[in-house]
N, C-alpha and C. Protein backbone atom coordinates (compact mmCIF):
# COMPACT_ATOMS: atom_id res chain seq x y z
N MET A 1 -15.86 0.11 -10.22
CA MET A 1 -15.51 -1.31 -10.30
C MET A 1 -14.43 -1.62 -9.26
N ALA A 2 -14.69 -2.60 -8.44
CA ALA A 2 -13.74 -2.97 -7.40
C ALA A 2 -12.80 -4.07 -7.89
N VAL A 3 -11.68 -4.19 -7.24
CA VAL A 3 -10.69 -5.21 -7.61
C VAL A 3 -11.13 -6.58 -7.10
N THR A 4 -10.75 -7.62 -7.85
CA THR A 4 -10.99 -8.99 -7.41
C THR A 4 -9.74 -9.81 -7.69
N LEU A 5 -9.53 -10.80 -6.84
CA LEU A 5 -8.36 -11.67 -6.97
C LEU A 5 -8.31 -12.32 -8.34
N ASP A 6 -7.10 -12.45 -8.86
CA ASP A 6 -6.82 -13.10 -10.14
C ASP A 6 -7.44 -12.39 -11.35
N HIS A 7 -7.75 -11.10 -11.18
CA HIS A 7 -8.22 -10.26 -12.29
C HIS A 7 -7.31 -9.04 -12.39
N ALA A 8 -7.25 -8.47 -13.58
CA ALA A 8 -6.44 -7.27 -13.79
C ALA A 8 -6.99 -6.12 -12.95
N VAL A 9 -6.09 -5.37 -12.35
CA VAL A 9 -6.47 -4.19 -11.58
C VAL A 9 -6.67 -3.06 -12.59
N PRO A 10 -7.81 -2.35 -12.54
CA PRO A 10 -8.01 -1.23 -13.46
C PRO A 10 -6.85 -0.22 -13.34
N ASP A 11 -6.43 0.31 -14.47
CA ASP A 11 -5.34 1.27 -14.46
C ASP A 11 -5.74 2.49 -13.62
N PHE A 12 -4.79 3.02 -12.89
CA PHE A 12 -5.04 4.21 -12.09
C PHE A 12 -3.83 5.11 -12.14
N GLN A 13 -4.06 6.36 -11.79
CA GLN A 13 -2.99 7.34 -11.70
C GLN A 13 -3.17 8.06 -10.38
N ALA A 14 -2.06 8.30 -9.65
CA ALA A 14 -2.17 8.95 -8.35
C ALA A 14 -0.92 9.76 -8.05
N GLN A 15 -1.09 10.82 -7.26
CA GLN A 15 0.02 11.67 -6.83
C GLN A 15 0.76 10.99 -5.67
N ALA A 16 2.09 11.03 -5.73
CA ALA A 16 2.90 10.44 -4.67
C ALA A 16 3.99 11.41 -4.25
N THR A 17 4.69 11.03 -3.20
CA THR A 17 5.80 11.84 -2.70
C THR A 17 6.90 11.94 -3.76
N SER A 18 7.83 12.83 -3.53
CA SER A 18 8.95 13.11 -4.45
C SER A 18 8.45 13.62 -5.79
N GLY A 19 7.25 14.21 -5.82
CA GLY A 19 6.70 14.77 -7.05
C GLY A 19 6.34 13.72 -8.09
N GLN A 20 6.21 12.49 -7.67
CA GLN A 20 5.93 11.42 -8.63
C GLN A 20 4.45 11.26 -8.91
N GLN A 21 4.18 10.86 -10.13
CA GLN A 21 2.84 10.49 -10.57
C GLN A 21 2.91 8.97 -10.77
N VAL A 22 2.15 8.22 -10.01
CA VAL A 22 2.18 6.76 -10.12
C VAL A 22 1.05 6.31 -11.04
N GLN A 23 1.42 5.58 -12.08
CA GLN A 23 0.41 5.01 -12.97
C GLN A 23 0.68 3.51 -13.08
N LEU A 24 -0.34 2.72 -12.74
CA LEU A 24 -0.17 1.27 -12.69
C LEU A 24 0.32 0.71 -14.02
N SER A 25 -0.25 1.15 -15.14
CA SER A 25 0.14 0.60 -16.45
C SER A 25 1.61 0.86 -16.77
N ALA A 26 2.18 1.93 -16.21
CA ALA A 26 3.59 2.25 -16.44
C ALA A 26 4.52 1.35 -15.62
N LEU A 27 3.97 0.59 -14.68
CA LEU A 27 4.78 -0.26 -13.81
C LEU A 27 4.80 -1.71 -14.27
N LYS A 28 4.20 -1.97 -15.45
CA LYS A 28 4.18 -3.36 -15.96
C LYS A 28 5.60 -3.90 -16.01
N GLY A 29 5.72 -5.19 -15.71
CA GLY A 29 7.04 -5.81 -15.68
C GLY A 29 7.61 -5.89 -14.27
N GLN A 30 6.98 -5.16 -13.34
CA GLN A 30 7.39 -5.22 -11.94
C GLN A 30 6.17 -5.56 -11.09
N GLN A 31 6.42 -6.29 -10.01
CA GLN A 31 5.35 -6.54 -9.06
C GLN A 31 5.14 -5.28 -8.23
N VAL A 32 3.93 -5.10 -7.74
CA VAL A 32 3.61 -3.91 -6.96
C VAL A 32 2.88 -4.32 -5.68
N VAL A 33 3.35 -3.77 -4.56
CA VAL A 33 2.66 -3.90 -3.28
C VAL A 33 2.05 -2.54 -2.96
N LEU A 34 0.74 -2.52 -2.74
CA LEU A 34 0.06 -1.32 -2.26
C LEU A 34 -0.40 -1.63 -0.84
N TYR A 35 0.16 -0.91 0.12
CA TYR A 35 -0.35 -1.12 1.48
C TYR A 35 -1.09 0.14 1.93
N PHE A 36 -2.35 -0.06 2.29
CA PHE A 36 -3.23 1.02 2.73
C PHE A 36 -3.17 1.10 4.24
N TYR A 37 -3.01 2.30 4.76
CA TYR A 37 -2.93 2.49 6.20
C TYR A 37 -3.75 3.72 6.58
N PRO A 38 -4.23 3.77 7.85
CA PRO A 38 -5.14 4.84 8.24
C PRO A 38 -4.55 6.25 8.28
N LYS A 39 -3.37 6.45 8.90
CA LYS A 39 -2.92 7.83 9.15
C LYS A 39 -1.41 7.90 9.33
N ASP A 40 -0.80 8.92 8.69
CA ASP A 40 0.64 9.16 8.86
C ASP A 40 0.98 9.39 10.33
N SER A 41 2.17 8.95 10.70
CA SER A 41 2.78 9.24 12.01
C SER A 41 1.99 8.76 13.22
N THR A 42 1.14 7.73 13.04
CA THR A 42 0.48 7.11 14.19
C THR A 42 1.26 5.83 14.50
N PRO A 43 1.17 5.33 15.73
CA PRO A 43 2.04 4.20 16.12
C PRO A 43 1.98 2.97 15.21
N GLY A 44 0.79 2.46 14.92
CA GLY A 44 0.67 1.27 14.08
C GLY A 44 1.16 1.50 12.66
N CYS A 45 0.84 2.66 12.13
CA CYS A 45 1.23 2.98 10.75
C CYS A 45 2.74 3.20 10.64
N THR A 46 3.31 3.77 11.67
CA THR A 46 4.76 3.97 11.70
C THR A 46 5.47 2.61 11.77
N THR A 47 4.99 1.73 12.65
CA THR A 47 5.59 0.40 12.79
C THR A 47 5.49 -0.37 11.48
N GLU A 48 4.33 -0.32 10.84
CA GLU A 48 4.15 -1.03 9.58
C GLU A 48 5.08 -0.47 8.50
N GLY A 49 5.15 0.85 8.39
CA GLY A 49 6.03 1.48 7.41
C GLY A 49 7.49 1.13 7.65
N GLN A 50 7.89 1.09 8.93
CA GLN A 50 9.27 0.74 9.26
C GLN A 50 9.57 -0.71 8.84
N GLY A 51 8.57 -1.58 8.96
CA GLY A 51 8.75 -2.97 8.53
C GLY A 51 9.01 -3.04 7.04
N PHE A 52 8.21 -2.30 6.25
CA PHE A 52 8.45 -2.27 4.80
C PHE A 52 9.80 -1.62 4.50
N ARG A 53 10.15 -0.58 5.24
CA ARG A 53 11.46 0.08 5.04
C ARG A 53 12.59 -0.92 5.29
N ASP A 54 12.51 -1.62 6.40
CA ASP A 54 13.60 -2.52 6.78
C ASP A 54 13.75 -3.71 5.83
N GLN A 55 12.65 -4.12 5.23
CA GLN A 55 12.69 -5.26 4.30
C GLN A 55 12.79 -4.81 2.83
N TYR A 56 12.88 -3.51 2.60
CA TYR A 56 12.83 -3.00 1.23
C TYR A 56 13.88 -3.62 0.30
N PRO A 57 15.12 -3.81 0.75
CA PRO A 57 16.09 -4.45 -0.17
C PRO A 57 15.63 -5.84 -0.64
N ALA A 58 14.97 -6.58 0.24
CA ALA A 58 14.47 -7.91 -0.14
C ALA A 58 13.32 -7.79 -1.13
N PHE A 59 12.46 -6.76 -0.96
CA PHE A 59 11.39 -6.52 -1.93
C PHE A 59 11.99 -6.17 -3.29
N GLN A 60 13.03 -5.33 -3.29
CA GLN A 60 13.68 -4.96 -4.55
C GLN A 60 14.26 -6.20 -5.23
N ALA A 61 14.88 -7.07 -4.44
CA ALA A 61 15.46 -8.29 -4.99
C ALA A 61 14.38 -9.19 -5.60
N ALA A 62 13.15 -9.07 -5.11
CA ALA A 62 12.02 -9.85 -5.63
C ALA A 62 11.28 -9.08 -6.74
N ASN A 63 11.93 -8.06 -7.32
CA ASN A 63 11.34 -7.28 -8.43
C ASN A 63 10.00 -6.67 -8.03
N THR A 64 9.93 -6.15 -6.79
CA THR A 64 8.67 -5.65 -6.25
C THR A 64 8.80 -4.21 -5.76
N LEU A 65 7.93 -3.34 -6.27
CA LEU A 65 7.85 -1.95 -5.80
C LEU A 65 6.85 -1.89 -4.65
N VAL A 66 7.13 -1.05 -3.67
CA VAL A 66 6.24 -0.88 -2.52
C VAL A 66 5.73 0.56 -2.51
N PHE A 67 4.42 0.72 -2.30
CA PHE A 67 3.81 2.04 -2.14
C PHE A 67 2.90 2.02 -0.93
N GLY A 68 3.06 3.01 -0.06
CA GLY A 68 2.11 3.20 1.03
C GLY A 68 1.01 4.12 0.53
N VAL A 69 -0.25 3.86 0.94
CA VAL A 69 -1.38 4.66 0.49
C VAL A 69 -2.24 5.06 1.68
N SER A 70 -2.52 6.35 1.81
CA SER A 70 -3.49 6.80 2.80
C SER A 70 -4.18 8.06 2.28
N ARG A 71 -5.16 8.54 3.05
CA ARG A 71 -5.91 9.73 2.65
C ARG A 71 -5.20 11.02 3.05
N ASP A 72 -4.03 10.90 3.67
CA ASP A 72 -3.28 12.10 4.06
C ASP A 72 -2.79 12.84 2.82
N GLY A 73 -2.54 14.14 2.97
CA GLY A 73 -2.03 14.96 1.87
C GLY A 73 -0.54 14.75 1.64
N LEU A 74 -0.06 15.29 0.54
CA LEU A 74 1.35 15.11 0.18
C LEU A 74 2.31 15.73 1.19
N LYS A 75 1.95 16.89 1.78
CA LYS A 75 2.83 17.53 2.76
C LYS A 75 3.02 16.62 3.98
N SER A 76 1.94 16.05 4.47
CA SER A 76 2.01 15.11 5.60
C SER A 76 2.84 13.89 5.20
N HIS A 77 2.60 13.37 3.99
CA HIS A 77 3.35 12.21 3.49
C HIS A 77 4.84 12.50 3.40
N GLU A 78 5.19 13.67 2.87
CA GLU A 78 6.61 14.02 2.72
C GLU A 78 7.30 14.06 4.10
N ASN A 79 6.62 14.64 5.09
CA ASN A 79 7.18 14.70 6.45
C ASN A 79 7.34 13.31 7.04
N PHE A 80 6.32 12.48 6.90
CA PHE A 80 6.33 11.11 7.42
C PHE A 80 7.44 10.30 6.75
N LYS A 81 7.54 10.42 5.44
CA LYS A 81 8.55 9.68 4.68
C LYS A 81 9.96 10.10 5.11
N ALA A 82 10.17 11.42 5.24
CA ALA A 82 11.49 11.93 5.62
C ALA A 82 11.86 11.51 7.04
N LYS A 83 10.92 11.66 7.95
CA LYS A 83 11.18 11.33 9.36
C LYS A 83 11.53 9.85 9.55
N GLN A 84 10.87 8.99 8.77
CA GLN A 84 11.09 7.54 8.90
C GLN A 84 12.09 6.98 7.88
N ALA A 85 12.63 7.85 7.03
CA ALA A 85 13.60 7.44 5.99
C ALA A 85 13.07 6.30 5.13
N PHE A 86 11.82 6.43 4.69
CA PHE A 86 11.24 5.40 3.83
C PHE A 86 11.89 5.49 2.45
N PRO A 87 12.35 4.35 1.91
CA PRO A 87 12.96 4.35 0.57
C PRO A 87 11.92 4.20 -0.54
N PHE A 88 10.65 4.15 -0.18
CA PHE A 88 9.56 4.00 -1.16
C PHE A 88 8.65 5.22 -1.08
N GLU A 89 7.79 5.37 -2.08
CA GLU A 89 6.92 6.54 -2.15
C GLU A 89 5.59 6.28 -1.43
N LEU A 90 4.99 7.37 -0.96
CA LEU A 90 3.67 7.32 -0.33
C LEU A 90 2.68 8.01 -1.27
N ILE A 91 1.56 7.35 -1.51
CA ILE A 91 0.53 7.89 -2.41
C ILE A 91 -0.54 8.60 -1.59
N SER A 92 -0.87 9.82 -2.01
CA SER A 92 -1.94 10.59 -1.38
C SER A 92 -3.25 10.28 -2.09
N ASP A 93 -4.22 9.78 -1.34
CA ASP A 93 -5.51 9.41 -1.90
C ASP A 93 -6.62 10.21 -1.22
N LYS A 94 -6.44 11.54 -1.22
CA LYS A 94 -7.40 12.42 -0.54
C LYS A 94 -8.82 12.27 -1.05
N ASP A 95 -8.96 12.03 -2.34
CA ASP A 95 -10.31 11.89 -2.91
C ASP A 95 -10.85 10.46 -2.81
N GLU A 96 -10.07 9.57 -2.21
CA GLU A 96 -10.45 8.18 -1.94
C GLU A 96 -10.67 7.33 -3.20
N THR A 97 -10.08 7.73 -4.32
CA THR A 97 -10.23 6.95 -5.56
C THR A 97 -9.69 5.53 -5.39
N LEU A 98 -8.47 5.43 -4.87
CA LEU A 98 -7.87 4.09 -4.67
C LEU A 98 -8.57 3.36 -3.52
N CYS A 99 -8.92 4.08 -2.48
CA CYS A 99 -9.63 3.46 -1.34
C CYS A 99 -10.93 2.81 -1.82
N GLN A 100 -11.63 3.48 -2.73
CA GLN A 100 -12.88 2.93 -3.27
C GLN A 100 -12.59 1.75 -4.19
N LEU A 101 -11.60 1.89 -5.05
CA LEU A 101 -11.24 0.82 -5.99
C LEU A 101 -10.90 -0.47 -5.24
N PHE A 102 -10.16 -0.34 -4.16
CA PHE A 102 -9.73 -1.51 -3.39
C PHE A 102 -10.67 -1.82 -2.21
N GLN A 103 -11.74 -1.04 -2.07
CA GLN A 103 -12.75 -1.23 -1.04
C GLN A 103 -12.15 -1.36 0.37
N VAL A 104 -11.38 -0.34 0.77
CA VAL A 104 -10.74 -0.38 2.09
C VAL A 104 -11.37 0.58 3.10
N ILE A 105 -12.43 1.29 2.71
CA ILE A 105 -13.11 2.18 3.65
C ILE A 105 -14.16 1.36 4.40
N LYS A 106 -14.03 1.33 5.72
CA LYS A 106 -14.93 0.52 6.54
C LYS A 106 -15.45 1.36 7.70
N LEU A 107 -16.60 0.94 8.22
CA LEU A 107 -17.15 1.58 9.40
C LEU A 107 -16.33 1.12 10.60
N LYS A 108 -15.80 2.07 11.37
CA LYS A 108 -14.97 1.76 12.53
C LYS A 108 -15.56 2.45 13.75
N LYS A 109 -15.08 2.02 14.91
CA LYS A 109 -15.52 2.63 16.16
C LYS A 109 -14.32 3.08 16.96
N LEU A 110 -14.42 4.29 17.53
CA LEU A 110 -13.38 4.80 18.40
C LEU A 110 -14.06 5.54 19.53
N TYR A 111 -13.80 5.10 20.74
CA TYR A 111 -14.42 5.71 21.92
C TYR A 111 -15.95 5.77 21.78
N GLY A 112 -16.52 4.71 21.22
CA GLY A 112 -17.97 4.62 21.09
C GLY A 112 -18.56 5.35 19.90
N LYS A 113 -17.75 6.12 19.18
CA LYS A 113 -18.25 6.85 18.02
C LYS A 113 -17.91 6.08 16.75
N GLU A 114 -18.86 6.04 15.82
CA GLU A 114 -18.62 5.37 14.55
C GLU A 114 -18.15 6.38 13.50
N TYR A 115 -17.26 5.93 12.66
CA TYR A 115 -16.76 6.78 11.57
C TYR A 115 -16.28 5.89 10.44
N LEU A 116 -16.12 6.46 9.26
CA LEU A 116 -15.58 5.72 8.12
C LEU A 116 -14.07 5.93 8.08
N GLY A 117 -13.34 4.84 8.13
CA GLY A 117 -11.88 4.92 8.13
C GLY A 117 -11.27 3.87 7.22
N VAL A 118 -9.97 3.97 7.04
CA VAL A 118 -9.24 3.02 6.20
C VAL A 118 -8.96 1.75 7.00
N ASP A 119 -9.40 0.63 6.45
CA ASP A 119 -9.10 -0.68 7.02
C ASP A 119 -7.70 -1.07 6.53
N ARG A 120 -6.78 -1.27 7.45
CA ARG A 120 -5.40 -1.59 7.08
C ARG A 120 -5.40 -2.82 6.17
N SER A 121 -4.95 -2.64 4.94
CA SER A 121 -5.02 -3.70 3.92
C SER A 121 -3.81 -3.61 2.99
N THR A 122 -3.42 -4.76 2.44
CA THR A 122 -2.28 -4.80 1.51
C THR A 122 -2.65 -5.65 0.30
N PHE A 123 -2.16 -5.22 -0.86
CA PHE A 123 -2.48 -5.90 -2.12
C PHE A 123 -1.20 -6.15 -2.89
N LEU A 124 -1.07 -7.36 -3.43
CA LEU A 124 0.10 -7.74 -4.23
C LEU A 124 -0.36 -7.94 -5.68
N ILE A 125 0.20 -7.12 -6.57
CA ILE A 125 -0.16 -7.13 -7.98
C ILE A 125 1.03 -7.68 -8.77
N ASP A 126 0.75 -8.64 -9.66
CA ASP A 126 1.86 -9.25 -10.41
C ASP A 126 2.37 -8.33 -11.53
N ARG A 127 3.39 -8.78 -12.24
CA ARG A 127 4.05 -7.92 -13.24
C ARG A 127 3.17 -7.63 -14.46
N ASN A 128 2.02 -8.31 -14.55
CA ASN A 128 1.07 -8.05 -15.64
C ASN A 128 -0.13 -7.23 -15.18
N GLY A 129 -0.09 -6.75 -13.94
CA GLY A 129 -1.18 -5.92 -13.43
C GLY A 129 -2.35 -6.70 -12.87
N VAL A 130 -2.15 -7.98 -12.56
CA VAL A 130 -3.22 -8.83 -12.02
C VAL A 130 -3.08 -8.93 -10.49
N LEU A 131 -4.19 -8.75 -9.78
CA LEU A 131 -4.18 -8.87 -8.32
C LEU A 131 -4.00 -10.33 -7.94
N ARG A 132 -2.92 -10.66 -7.25
CA ARG A 132 -2.61 -12.04 -6.90
C ARG A 132 -2.85 -12.37 -5.43
N GLN A 133 -2.77 -11.38 -4.58
CA GLN A 133 -3.00 -11.66 -3.16
C GLN A 133 -3.48 -10.40 -2.46
N GLU A 134 -4.33 -10.59 -1.45
CA GLU A 134 -4.79 -9.46 -0.66
C GLU A 134 -4.84 -9.85 0.81
N TRP A 135 -4.54 -8.88 1.64
CA TRP A 135 -4.63 -9.04 3.09
C TRP A 135 -5.51 -7.91 3.57
N ARG A 136 -6.59 -8.23 4.26
CA ARG A 136 -7.52 -7.21 4.77
C ARG A 136 -7.57 -7.32 6.29
N GLY A 137 -7.89 -6.21 6.94
CA GLY A 137 -7.95 -6.22 8.40
C GLY A 137 -6.62 -6.61 9.01
N VAL A 138 -5.54 -6.09 8.44
CA VAL A 138 -4.18 -6.48 8.80
C VAL A 138 -3.83 -6.12 10.24
N LYS A 139 -3.18 -7.06 10.91
CA LYS A 139 -2.52 -6.81 12.19
C LYS A 139 -1.04 -6.65 11.85
N VAL A 140 -0.41 -5.62 12.37
CA VAL A 140 0.95 -5.25 11.95
C VAL A 140 2.01 -6.33 12.23
N PRO A 141 2.08 -6.93 13.44
CA PRO A 141 3.16 -7.88 13.70
C PRO A 141 3.18 -9.06 12.71
N GLY A 142 4.33 -9.25 12.07
CA GLY A 142 4.51 -10.36 11.14
C GLY A 142 3.95 -10.13 9.74
N HIS A 143 3.22 -9.03 9.55
CA HIS A 143 2.56 -8.81 8.26
C HIS A 143 3.55 -8.59 7.12
N VAL A 144 4.54 -7.75 7.32
CA VAL A 144 5.49 -7.45 6.24
C VAL A 144 6.21 -8.72 5.80
N ASP A 145 6.55 -9.59 6.74
CA ASP A 145 7.21 -10.86 6.38
C ASP A 145 6.31 -11.72 5.50
N ALA A 146 5.01 -11.74 5.79
CA ALA A 146 4.06 -12.52 4.99
C ALA A 146 3.96 -11.95 3.57
N VAL A 147 3.93 -10.63 3.46
CA VAL A 147 3.85 -9.97 2.14
C VAL A 147 5.14 -10.26 1.36
N LEU A 148 6.26 -10.15 2.02
CA LEU A 148 7.56 -10.41 1.35
C LEU A 148 7.63 -11.85 0.86
N ALA A 149 7.22 -12.81 1.68
CA ALA A 149 7.24 -14.21 1.28
C ALA A 149 6.37 -14.43 0.04
N ALA A 150 5.20 -13.81 0.01
CA ALA A 150 4.29 -13.93 -1.14
C ALA A 150 4.91 -13.30 -2.38
N ALA A 151 5.56 -12.13 -2.22
CA ALA A 151 6.20 -11.44 -3.34
C ALA A 151 7.34 -12.29 -3.90
N GLN A 152 8.12 -12.90 -3.02
CA GLN A 152 9.25 -13.72 -3.45
C GLN A 152 8.74 -14.96 -4.21
N THR A 153 7.69 -15.59 -3.69
CA THR A 153 7.12 -16.77 -4.35
C THR A 153 6.56 -16.40 -5.71
N LEU A 154 5.84 -15.31 -5.80
CA LEU A 154 5.26 -14.85 -7.06
C LEU A 154 6.35 -14.51 -8.08
N ASN A 155 7.43 -13.93 -7.61
CA ASN A 155 8.53 -13.54 -8.50
C ASN A 155 9.21 -14.77 -9.12
N GLN A 156 9.18 -15.88 -8.41
CA GLN A 156 9.82 -17.10 -8.92
C GLN A 156 8.94 -17.81 -9.95
N GLY A 157 7.64 -17.47 -9.94
CA GLY A 157 6.69 -18.17 -10.82
C GLY A 157 6.75 -17.75 -12.25
């Protein structure tokens, strides 16, 4: 079952950095941003992560938790998180459970070859576990500001 706007996101559990187990139902009462990105330590993903890092205090003020999600393993995530000093956790989705739930796996092309990869996407879930906003096919410049503005508006509602 895939997620749809203005509907409850099915509960999920996933492994994250710092030895954490993230379970959506345990986060009720707080807004959640899940941003899906293709690969640790690549230029676009690093820039996007740095944007969330730099705006993290404002997300916290808006009662919003941020999680980065990719298919990379926990060891890669831990290195990426440490190198970039991310104050939020990164979720490892090696088995693509979350990628399938949020339908972010798309056919992509690189140097003329087609492959299935993660379409850069972000999802804003309200404090009751309902998907309130989604951004698909994200371009990094200005994206974090748009997500923050939406989180702040939702928090006031």
